[in-house]
Amino acid sequence: MPSEEYAERVLDLVRLIPPGRVLAYGDVARRLGEGGARMVGTVLRRYGSGAPWWRVIRADGRPPPGLEREAVEHWRAEGTPLARGLVDGSRADMARARWSGEATGGDAEAVPGTLHHVEVWVEDIATAGREWGWLLGRLGYRLGDDWGHGQAWELGSLYVVLEAGPDVLPGRHERRRAGVNHLAFHGGSRQAVTQLVEECAEHGWTLMFPEQHPYAGGPGRWAAYLESGEGFEVELVAG
């Protein structure tokens, strides 16, 4: 249970967020140097009715659960940058809407063409959380938000979303069908990638193309290819 002092600090920071800007729950906790995303969410659920609660949201830009319609109405009234074209409606565009902590006019603009986020739809969030959570954690990502059937893992301004919501159609992922084949990450040194390969089986991953490893991508390309229990492929590039 958050203390009264911590709750006051959370609410004080939330009131500083300018109209048209947002922070993720994890952002608030990191700026305070205490607690975590869930604790911030608890404060806002219990004490946030008098604060601009709609400016503190999930790390993937989604509104607070159960308050989606009210949040979007506030965002539209304040001119909050929104991401469009989603099955479940609008959400904030975190690359443009995230508050830097400076005056609104000083917020840095996103660089066009840079990757904003990756969203991976999975069959089972518990399995994906164990498998991807281990791998992303080892690669330096931090769990920024967890809303039951989804998680957002953050590394700087980039985040990877794992989602197993009601809009996910049944059926195992098949990387060989038309669509995204795999995600490739810088894995660090060869020693670091080798360590990940040695540990991967304990966390639901399998080394692919073992007979060609570590040059399955071609001569001179030192990398490891892993497959998750749900059939997702990840490439870890060394160096």
C-alpha atoms as a PDB file:
ATOM      1  CA  MET A   1       0.000   0.000   0.000  1.00  0.00           C
ATOM      2  CA  PRO A   2       1.514   3.385  -1.000  1.00  0.00           C
ATOM      3  CA  SER A   3       2.199   5.756   1.862  1.00  0.00           C
ATOM      4  CA  GLU A   4       0.425   9.113   2.065  1.00  0.00           C
ATOM      5  CA  GLU A   5       3.735  10.870   1.434  1.00  0.00           C
ATOM      6  CA  TYR A   6       4.373   8.830  -1.713  1.00  0.00           C
ATOM      7  CA  ALA A   7       0.824   9.402  -2.952  1.00  0.00           C
ATOM      8  CA  GLU A   8       1.250  13.157  -2.524  1.00  0.00           C
ATOM      9  CA  ARG A   9       4.497  13.082  -4.491  1.00  0.00           C
ATOM     10  CA  VAL A  10       2.825  11.147  -7.309  1.00  0.00           C
ATOM     11  CA  LEU A  11      -0.102  13.550  -7.475  1.00  0.00           C
ATOM     12  CA  ASP A  12       2.170  16.606  -7.339  1.00  0.00           C
ATOM     13  CA  LEU A  13       4.090  15.315 -10.353  1.00  0.00           C
ATOM     14  CA  VAL A  14       0.927  14.394 -12.246  1.00  0.00           C
ATOM     15  CA  ARG A  15      -0.391  17.928 -11.811  1.00  0.00           C
ATOM     16  CA  LEU A  16       2.772  19.265 -13.479  1.00  0.00           C
ATOM     17  CA  ILE A  17       2.196  17.367 -16.730  1.00  0.00           C
ATOM     18  CA  PRO A  18       1.088  19.966 -19.313  1.00  0.00           C
ATOM     19  CA  PRO A  19      -2.127  19.564 -21.315  1.00  0.00           C
ATOM     20  CA  GLY A  20      -1.480  17.538 -24.454  1.00  0.00           C
ATOM     21  CA  ARG A  21       1.365  15.590 -22.830  1.00  0.00           C
ATOM     22  CA  VAL A  22       1.434  12.233 -21.029  1.00  0.00           C
ATOM     23  CA  LEU A  23       3.687  10.015 -18.955  1.00  0.00           C
ATOM     24  CA  ALA A  24       3.591   6.250 -18.500  1.00  0.00           C
ATOM     25  CA  TYR A  25       3.073   4.888 -15.003  1.00  0.00           C
ATOM     26  CA  GLY A  26       6.679   3.696 -15.029  1.00  0.00           C
ATOM     27  CA  ASP A  27       7.882   7.155 -16.097  1.00  0.00           C
ATOM     28  CA  VAL A  28       6.331   8.676 -12.982  1.00  0.00           C
ATOM     29  CA  ALA A  29       7.950   6.101 -10.709  1.00  0.00           C
ATOM     30  CA  ARG A  30      11.373   6.607 -12.303  1.00  0.00           C
ATOM     31  CA  ARG A  31      11.172  10.381 -11.985  1.00  0.00           C
ATOM     32  CA  LEU A  32      10.290  10.035  -8.319  1.00  0.00           C
ATOM     33  CA  GLY A  33      13.056   7.476  -7.837  1.00  0.00           C
ATOM     34  CA  GLU A  34      10.754   5.221  -5.854  1.00  0.00           C
ATOM     35  CA  GLY A  35       8.034   2.637  -6.372  1.00  0.00           C
ATOM     36  CA  GLY A  36       6.987   1.202  -9.697  1.00  0.00           C
ATOM     37  CA  ALA A  37       4.309   1.354 -12.371  1.00  0.00           C
ATOM     38  CA  ARG A  38       1.801  -0.646 -10.340  1.00  0.00           C
ATOM     39  CA  MET A  39       2.236   1.527  -7.261  1.00  0.00           C
ATOM     40  CA  VAL A  40       1.684   4.687  -9.305  1.00  0.00           C
ATOM     41  CA  GLY A  41      -1.438   3.125 -10.799  1.00  0.00           C
ATOM     42  CA  THR A  42      -2.718   2.295  -7.312  1.00  0.00           C
ATOM     43  CA  VAL A  43      -2.233   5.903  -6.202  1.00  0.00           C
ATOM     44  CA  LEU A  44      -4.169   7.235  -9.170  1.00  0.00           C
ATOM     45  CA  ARG A  45      -6.990   4.730  -8.761  1.00  0.00           C
ATOM     46  CA  ARG A  46      -7.392   5.608  -5.080  1.00  0.00           C
ATOM     47  CA  TYR A  47      -6.602   9.316  -4.970  1.00  0.00           C
ATOM     48  CA  GLY A  48      -6.360  10.614  -8.527  1.00  0.00           C
ATOM     49  CA  SER A  49      -9.910  11.790  -9.222  1.00  0.00           C
ATOM     50  CA  GLY A  50      -8.934  15.423  -8.582  1.00  0.00           C
ATOM     51  CA  ALA A  51      -5.764  15.252 -10.683  1.00  0.00           C
ATOM     52  CA  PRO A  52      -5.374  14.991 -14.489  1.00  0.00           C
ATOM     53  CA  TRP A  53      -5.257  11.190 -14.298  1.00  0.00           C
ATOM     54  CA  TRP A  54      -5.717  10.863 -18.088  1.00  0.00           C
ATOM     55  CA  ARG A  55      -2.165  12.171 -18.552  1.00  0.00           C
ATOM     56  CA  VAL A  56      -0.679   9.063 -16.875  1.00  0.00           C
ATOM     57  CA  ILE A  57      -1.226   5.978 -18.988  1.00  0.00           C
ATOM     58  CA  ARG A  58       0.140   2.586 -20.016  1.00  0.00           C
ATOM     59  CA  ALA A  59       3.560   2.511 -21.615  1.00  0.00           C
ATOM     60  CA  ASP A  60       2.122   1.510 -25.005  1.00  0.00           C
ATOM     61  CA  GLY A  61      -0.112   4.609 -25.062  1.00  0.00           C
ATOM     62  CA  ARG A  62      -3.359   2.947 -24.002  1.00  0.00           C
ATOM     63  CA  PRO A  63      -5.730   4.719 -21.592  1.00  0.00           C
ATOM     64  CA  PRO A  64      -6.262   3.543 -18.012  1.00  0.00           C
ATOM     65  CA  PRO A  65      -8.403   0.368 -17.945  1.00  0.00           C
ATOM     66  CA  GLY A  66     -12.096   1.103 -17.647  1.00  0.00           C
ATOM     67  CA  LEU A  67     -11.627   4.813 -18.387  1.00  0.00           C
ATOM     68  CA  GLU A  68     -10.851   4.600 -22.097  1.00  0.00           C
ATOM     69  CA  ARG A  69     -13.713   6.785 -23.335  1.00  0.00           C
ATOM     70  CA  GLU A  70     -13.183   9.527 -20.755  1.00  0.00           C
ATOM     71  CA  ALA A  71      -9.431   9.583 -21.346  1.00  0.00           C
ATOM     72  CA  VAL A  72      -9.771   9.887 -25.121  1.00  0.00           C
ATOM     73  CA  GLU A  73     -12.255  12.736 -24.691  1.00  0.00           C
ATOM     74  CA  HIS A  74      -9.724  14.598 -22.529  1.00  0.00           C
ATOM     75  CA  TRP A  75      -6.914  13.881 -25.018  1.00  0.00           C
ATOM     76  CA  ARG A  76      -8.905  15.226 -27.938  1.00  0.00           C
ATOM     77  CA  ALA A  77      -9.867  18.337 -25.993  1.00  0.00           C
ATOM     78  CA  GLU A  78      -6.198  18.968 -25.076  1.00  0.00           C
ATOM     79  CA  GLY A  79      -4.755  18.123 -28.491  1.00  0.00           C
ATOM     80  CA  THR A  80      -2.785  15.099 -27.263  1.00  0.00           C
ATOM     81  CA  PRO A  81      -1.082  13.380 -30.239  1.00  0.00           C
ATOM     82  CA  LEU A  82      -2.928  10.132 -30.929  1.00  0.00           C
ATOM     83  CA  ALA A  83      -2.013   6.944 -32.769  1.00  0.00           C
ATOM     84  CA  ARG A  84      -4.745   5.834 -35.143  1.00  0.00           C
ATOM     85  CA  GLY A  85      -5.886   2.695 -36.898  1.00  0.00           C
ATOM     86  CA  LEU A  86      -6.037   0.358 -33.897  1.00  0.00           C
ATOM     87  CA  VAL A  87      -8.650  -2.343 -33.494  1.00  0.00           C
ATOM     88  CA  ASP A  88      -9.580  -1.164 -30.018  1.00  0.00           C
ATOM     89  CA  GLY A  89      -9.640   2.560 -30.746  1.00  0.00           C
ATOM     90  CA  SER A  90      -7.294   5.486 -30.176  1.00  0.00           C
ATOM     91  CA  ARG A  91      -4.276   5.644 -27.936  1.00  0.00           C
ATOM     92  CA  ALA A  92      -1.653   8.270 -27.319  1.00  0.00           C
ATOM     93  CA  ASP A  93       1.342   8.423 -29.626  1.00  0.00           C
ATOM     94  CA  MET A  94       4.048   8.089 -26.975  1.00  0.00           C
ATOM     95  CA  ALA A  95       6.851   9.287 -29.272  1.00  0.00           C
ATOM     96  CA  ARG A  96       5.138  12.664 -29.665  1.00  0.00           C
ATOM     97  CA  ALA A  97       3.026  12.918 -26.514  1.00  0.00           C
ATOM     98  CA  ARG A  98       5.504  11.830 -23.809  1.00  0.00           C
ATOM     99  CA  TRP A  99       6.437  14.771 -21.606  1.00  0.00           C
ATOM    100  CA  SER A 100      10.136  15.508 -21.356  1.00  0.00           C
ATOM    101  CA  GLY A 101       9.780  17.357 -18.063  1.00  0.00           C
ATOM    102  CA  GLU A 102      10.432  20.697 -19.712  1.00  0.00           C
ATOM    103  CA  ALA A 103       7.996  23.315 -20.888  1.00  0.00           C
ATOM    104  CA  THR A 104       5.761  22.010 -23.647  1.00  0.00           C
ATOM    105  CA  GLY A 105       7.527  23.999 -26.324  1.00  0.00           C
ATOM    106  CA  GLY A 106      10.843  22.391 -25.373  1.00  0.00           C
ATOM    107  CA  ASP A 107       9.785  18.778 -25.875  1.00  0.00           C
ATOM    108  CA  ALA A 108      12.001  17.071 -28.420  1.00  0.00           C
ATOM    109  CA  GLU A 109      10.405  15.966 -31.664  1.00  0.00           C
ATOM    110  CA  ALA A 110      10.720  12.341 -32.697  1.00  0.00           C
ATOM    111  CA  VAL A 111      13.177  11.725 -35.538  1.00  0.00           C
ATOM    112  CA  PRO A 112      11.198  10.633 -38.623  1.00  0.00           C
ATOM    113  CA  GLY A 113      12.000   7.094 -39.685  1.00  0.00           C
ATOM    114  CA  THR A 114      13.233   5.861 -36.312  1.00  0.00           C
ATOM    115  CA  LEU A 115      11.443   2.861 -34.843  1.00  0.00           C
ATOM    116  CA  HIS A 116       8.714   3.853 -32.390  1.00  0.00           C
ATOM    117  CA  HIS A 117       7.623   0.472 -31.014  1.00  0.00           C
ATOM    118  CA  VAL A 118       7.027  -3.164 -31.900  1.00  0.00           C
ATOM    119  CA  GLU A 119       3.821  -4.966 -30.926  1.00  0.00           C
ATOM    120  CA  VAL A 120       3.871  -8.763 -30.788  1.00  0.00           C
ATOM    121  CA  TRP A 121       0.503 -10.527 -30.483  1.00  0.00           C
ATOM    122  CA  VAL A 122       0.821 -13.808 -28.627  1.00  0.00           C
ATOM    123  CA  GLU A 123      -1.482 -16.687 -27.679  1.00  0.00           C
ATOM    124  CA  ASP A 124      -0.574 -16.846 -24.011  1.00  0.00           C
ATOM    125  CA  ILE A 125       0.723 -13.832 -22.088  1.00  0.00           C
ATOM    126  CA  ALA A 126       2.039 -15.946 -19.209  1.00  0.00           C
ATOM    127  CA  THR A 127       4.228 -17.969 -21.571  1.00  0.00           C
ATOM    128  CA  ALA A 128       5.273 -14.899 -23.528  1.00  0.00           C
ATOM    129  CA  GLY A 129       6.045 -13.034 -20.311  1.00  0.00           C
ATOM    130  CA  ARG A 130       8.379 -15.791 -19.174  1.00  0.00           C
ATOM    131  CA  GLU A 131      10.112 -16.188 -22.529  1.00  0.00           C
ATOM    132  CA  TRP A 132      10.251 -12.644 -23.853  1.00  0.00           C
ATOM    133  CA  GLY A 133      10.543 -11.151 -20.382  1.00  0.00           C
ATOM    134  CA  TRP A 134      13.740 -13.080 -19.748  1.00  0.00           C
ATOM    135  CA  LEU A 135      15.233 -12.211 -23.138  1.00  0.00           C
ATOM    136  CA  LEU A 136      14.254  -8.548 -23.168  1.00  0.00           C
ATOM    137  CA  GLY A 137      15.384  -8.153 -19.572  1.00  0.00           C
ATOM    138  CA  ARG A 138      18.785  -9.581 -20.443  1.00  0.00           C
ATOM    139  CA  LEU A 139      19.010  -7.167 -23.375  1.00  0.00           C
ATOM    140  CA  GLY A 140      18.455  -4.178 -21.090  1.00  0.00           C
ATOM    141  CA  TYR A 141      14.703  -3.623 -21.390  1.00  0.00           C
ATOM    142  CA  ARG A 142      12.613  -2.809 -18.327  1.00  0.00           C
ATOM    143  CA  LEU A 143       8.997  -3.767 -17.738  1.00  0.00           C
ATOM    144  CA  GLY A 144       7.208  -0.446 -17.989  1.00  0.00           C
ATOM    145  CA  ASP A 145       3.615  -1.610 -17.736  1.00  0.00           C
ATOM    146  CA  ASP A 146       1.623  -4.783 -17.175  1.00  0.00           C
ATOM    147  CA  TRP A 147      -2.140  -4.779 -17.703  1.00  0.00           C
ATOM    148  CA  GLY A 148      -2.911  -8.455 -17.280  1.00  0.00           C
ATOM    149  CA  HIS A 149      -3.180  -9.577 -20.898  1.00  0.00           C
ATOM    150  CA  GLY A 150      -0.306  -7.399 -22.063  1.00  0.00           C
ATOM    151  CA  GLN A 151       3.112  -6.037 -21.145  1.00  0.00           C
ATOM    152  CA  ALA A 152       5.271  -3.179 -22.414  1.00  0.00           C
ATOM    153  CA  TRP A 153       9.047  -3.550 -22.202  1.00  0.00           C
ATOM    154  CA  GLU A 154      10.997  -0.296 -22.557  1.00  0.00           C
ATOM    155  CA  LEU A 155      14.505   0.592 -23.692  1.00  0.00           C
ATOM    156  CA  GLY A 156      14.902   4.335 -23.961  1.00  0.00           C
ATOM    157  CA  SER A 157      12.129   5.659 -26.209  1.00  0.00           C
ATOM    158  CA  LEU A 158      11.623   2.269 -27.867  1.00  0.00           C
ATOM    159  CA  TYR A 159       9.250  -0.267 -26.389  1.00  0.00           C
ATOM    160  CA  VAL A 160       8.164  -3.808 -27.240  1.00  0.00           C
ATOM    161  CA  VAL A 161       4.557  -4.731 -26.468  1.00  0.00           C
ATOM    162  CA  LEU A 162       3.424  -8.303 -25.821  1.00  0.00           C
ATOM    163  CA  GLU A 163      -0.337  -8.542 -26.247  1.00  0.00           C
ATOM    164  CA  ALA A 164      -2.762 -11.440 -25.782  1.00  0.00           C
ATOM    165  CA  GLY A 165      -6.036  -9.510 -25.732  1.00  0.00           C
ATOM    166  CA  PRO A 166      -9.451 -10.508 -27.045  1.00  0.00           C
ATOM    167  CA  ASP A 167      -8.641  -9.310 -30.574  1.00  0.00           C
ATOM    168  CA  VAL A 168      -5.881 -11.902 -31.026  1.00  0.00           C
ATOM    169  CA  LEU A 169      -7.149 -14.618 -33.363  1.00  0.00           C
ATOM    170  CA  PRO A 170      -6.506 -18.249 -32.376  1.00  0.00           C
ATOM    171  CA  GLY A 171      -3.674 -20.130 -34.043  1.00  0.00           C
ATOM    172  CA  ARG A 172       0.042 -20.488 -33.515  1.00  0.00           C
ATOM    173  CA  HIS A 173       2.381 -17.936 -35.019  1.00  0.00           C
ATOM    174  CA  GLU A 174       4.114 -19.169 -38.167  1.00  0.00           C
ATOM    175  CA  ARG A 175       7.199 -17.173 -39.098  1.00  0.00           C
ATOM    176  CA  ARG A 176       7.354 -18.692 -42.593  1.00  0.00           C
ATOM    177  CA  ARG A 177       4.012 -17.245 -43.653  1.00  0.00           C
ATOM    178  CA  ALA A 178       3.809 -13.826 -45.276  1.00  0.00           C
ATOM    179  CA  GLY A 179       4.387 -11.191 -42.623  1.00  0.00           C
ATOM    180  CA  VAL A 180       7.176 -10.394 -40.197  1.00  0.00           C
ATOM    181  CA  ASN A 181       9.693 -13.237 -40.109  1.00  0.00           C
ATOM    182  CA  HIS A 182      11.772 -12.248 -37.084  1.00  0.00           C
ATOM    183  CA  LEU A 183      13.068  -9.450 -34.888  1.00  0.00           C
ATOM    184  CA  ALA A 184      16.802  -8.762 -34.722  1.00  0.00           C
ATOM    185  CA  PHE A 185      18.488  -7.224 -31.680  1.00  0.00           C
ATOM    186  CA  HIS A 186      22.051  -6.171 -31.002  1.00  0.00           C
ATOM    187  CA  GLY A 187      23.078  -8.818 -28.495  1.00  0.00           C
ATOM    188  CA  GLY A 188      26.365  -7.335 -27.292  1.00  0.00           C
ATOM    189  CA  SER A 189      29.694  -9.124 -27.503  1.00  0.00           C
ATOM    190  CA  ARG A 190      30.109 -12.664 -28.796  1.00  0.00           C
ATOM    191  CA  GLN A 191      30.612 -13.779 -25.227  1.00  0.00           C
ATOM    192  CA  ALA A 192      27.332 -12.136 -24.189  1.00  0.00           C
ATOM    193  CA  VAL A 193      25.417 -13.767 -27.047  1.00  0.00           C
ATOM    194  CA  THR A 194      27.014 -17.134 -26.270  1.00  0.00           C
ATOM    195  CA  GLN A 195      25.838 -16.793 -22.671  1.00  0.00           C
ATOM    196  CA  LEU A 196      22.283 -16.100 -23.851  1.00  0.00           C
ATOM    197  CA  VAL A 197      22.389 -19.171 -26.079  1.00  0.00           C
ATOM    198  CA  GLU A 198      23.576 -21.313 -23.183  1.00  0.00           C
ATOM    199  CA  GLU A 199      20.718 -20.091 -20.978  1.00  0.00           C
ATOM    200  CA  CYS A 200      17.925 -19.865 -23.550  1.00  0.00           C
ATOM    201  CA  ALA A 201      16.563 -23.419 -23.168  1.00  0.00           C
ATOM    202  CA  GLU A 202      15.846 -22.772 -19.478  1.00  0.00           C
ATOM    203  CA  HIS A 203      13.552 -19.926 -20.495  1.00  0.00           C
ATOM    204  CA  GLY A 204      11.580 -21.495 -23.331  1.00  0.00           C
ATOM    205  CA  TRP A 205      13.830 -20.658 -26.298  1.00  0.00           C
ATOM    206  CA  THR A 206      15.543 -23.037 -28.727  1.00  0.00           C
ATOM    207  CA  LEU A 207      18.677 -22.406 -30.769  1.00  0.00           C
ATOM    208  CA  MET A 208      17.768 -22.542 -34.445  1.00  0.00           C
ATOM    209  CA  PHE A 209      20.057 -23.857 -37.184  1.00  0.00           C
ATOM    210  CA  PRO A 210      22.521 -25.333 -34.672  1.00  0.00           C
ATOM    211  CA  GLU A 211      24.579 -26.979 -37.413  1.00  0.00           C
ATOM    212  CA  GLN A 212      25.344 -23.537 -38.921  1.00  0.00           C
ATOM    213  CA  HIS A 213      25.658 -21.622 -35.655  1.00  0.00           C
ATOM    214  CA  PRO A 214      27.044 -18.976 -35.252  1.00  0.00           C
ATOM    215  CA  TYR A 215      27.157 -18.225 -38.992  1.00  0.00           C
ATOM    216  CA  ALA A 216      23.613 -19.221 -39.940  1.00  0.00           C
ATOM    217  CA  GLY A 217      23.134 -15.727 -41.370  1.00  0.00           C
ATOM    218  CA  GLY A 218      26.094 -16.126 -43.716  1.00  0.00           C
ATOM    219  CA  PRO A 219      29.892 -15.972 -43.631  1.00  0.00           C
ATOM    220  CA  GLY A 220      31.203 -13.217 -41.408  1.00  0.00           C
ATOM    221  CA  ARG A 221      27.814 -12.570 -39.772  1.00  0.00           C
ATOM    222  CA  TRP A 222      28.165 -13.770 -36.173  1.00  0.00           C
ATOM    223  CA  ALA A 223      24.680 -14.160 -34.739  1.00  0.00           C
ATOM    224  CA  ALA A 224      22.384 -16.527 -32.867  1.00  0.00           C
ATOM    225  CA  TYR A 225      18.867 -17.371 -34.000  1.00  0.00           C
ATOM    226  CA  LEU A 226      16.405 -18.341 -31.261  1.00  0.00           C
ATOM    227  CA  GLU A 227      12.837 -19.599 -31.467  1.00  0.00           C
ATOM    228  CA  SER A 228      10.335 -19.140 -28.645  1.00  0.00           C
ATOM    229  CA  GLY A 229       7.904 -21.779 -27.490  1.00  0.00           C
ATOM    230  CA  GLU A 230       5.185 -20.017 -29.485  1.00  0.00           C
ATOM    231  CA  GLY A 231       7.252 -20.041 -32.668  1.00  0.00           C
ATOM    232  CA  PHE A 232       8.613 -16.481 -32.728  1.00  0.00           C
ATOM    233  CA  GLU A 233      12.115 -16.029 -34.116  1.00  0.00           C
ATOM    234  CA  VAL A 234      14.679 -13.612 -32.717  1.00  0.00           C
ATOM    235  CA  GLU A 235      18.137 -12.889 -34.096  1.00  0.00           C
ATOM    236  CA  LEU A 236      20.865 -11.768 -31.691  1.00  0.00           C
ATOM    237  CA  VAL A 237      23.624 -10.022 -33.587  1.00  0.00           C
ATOM    238  CA  ALA A 238      27.025  -9.976 -31.886  1.00  0.00           C
ATOM    239  CA  GLY A 239      29.404  -7.058 -31.978  1.00  0.00           C
END
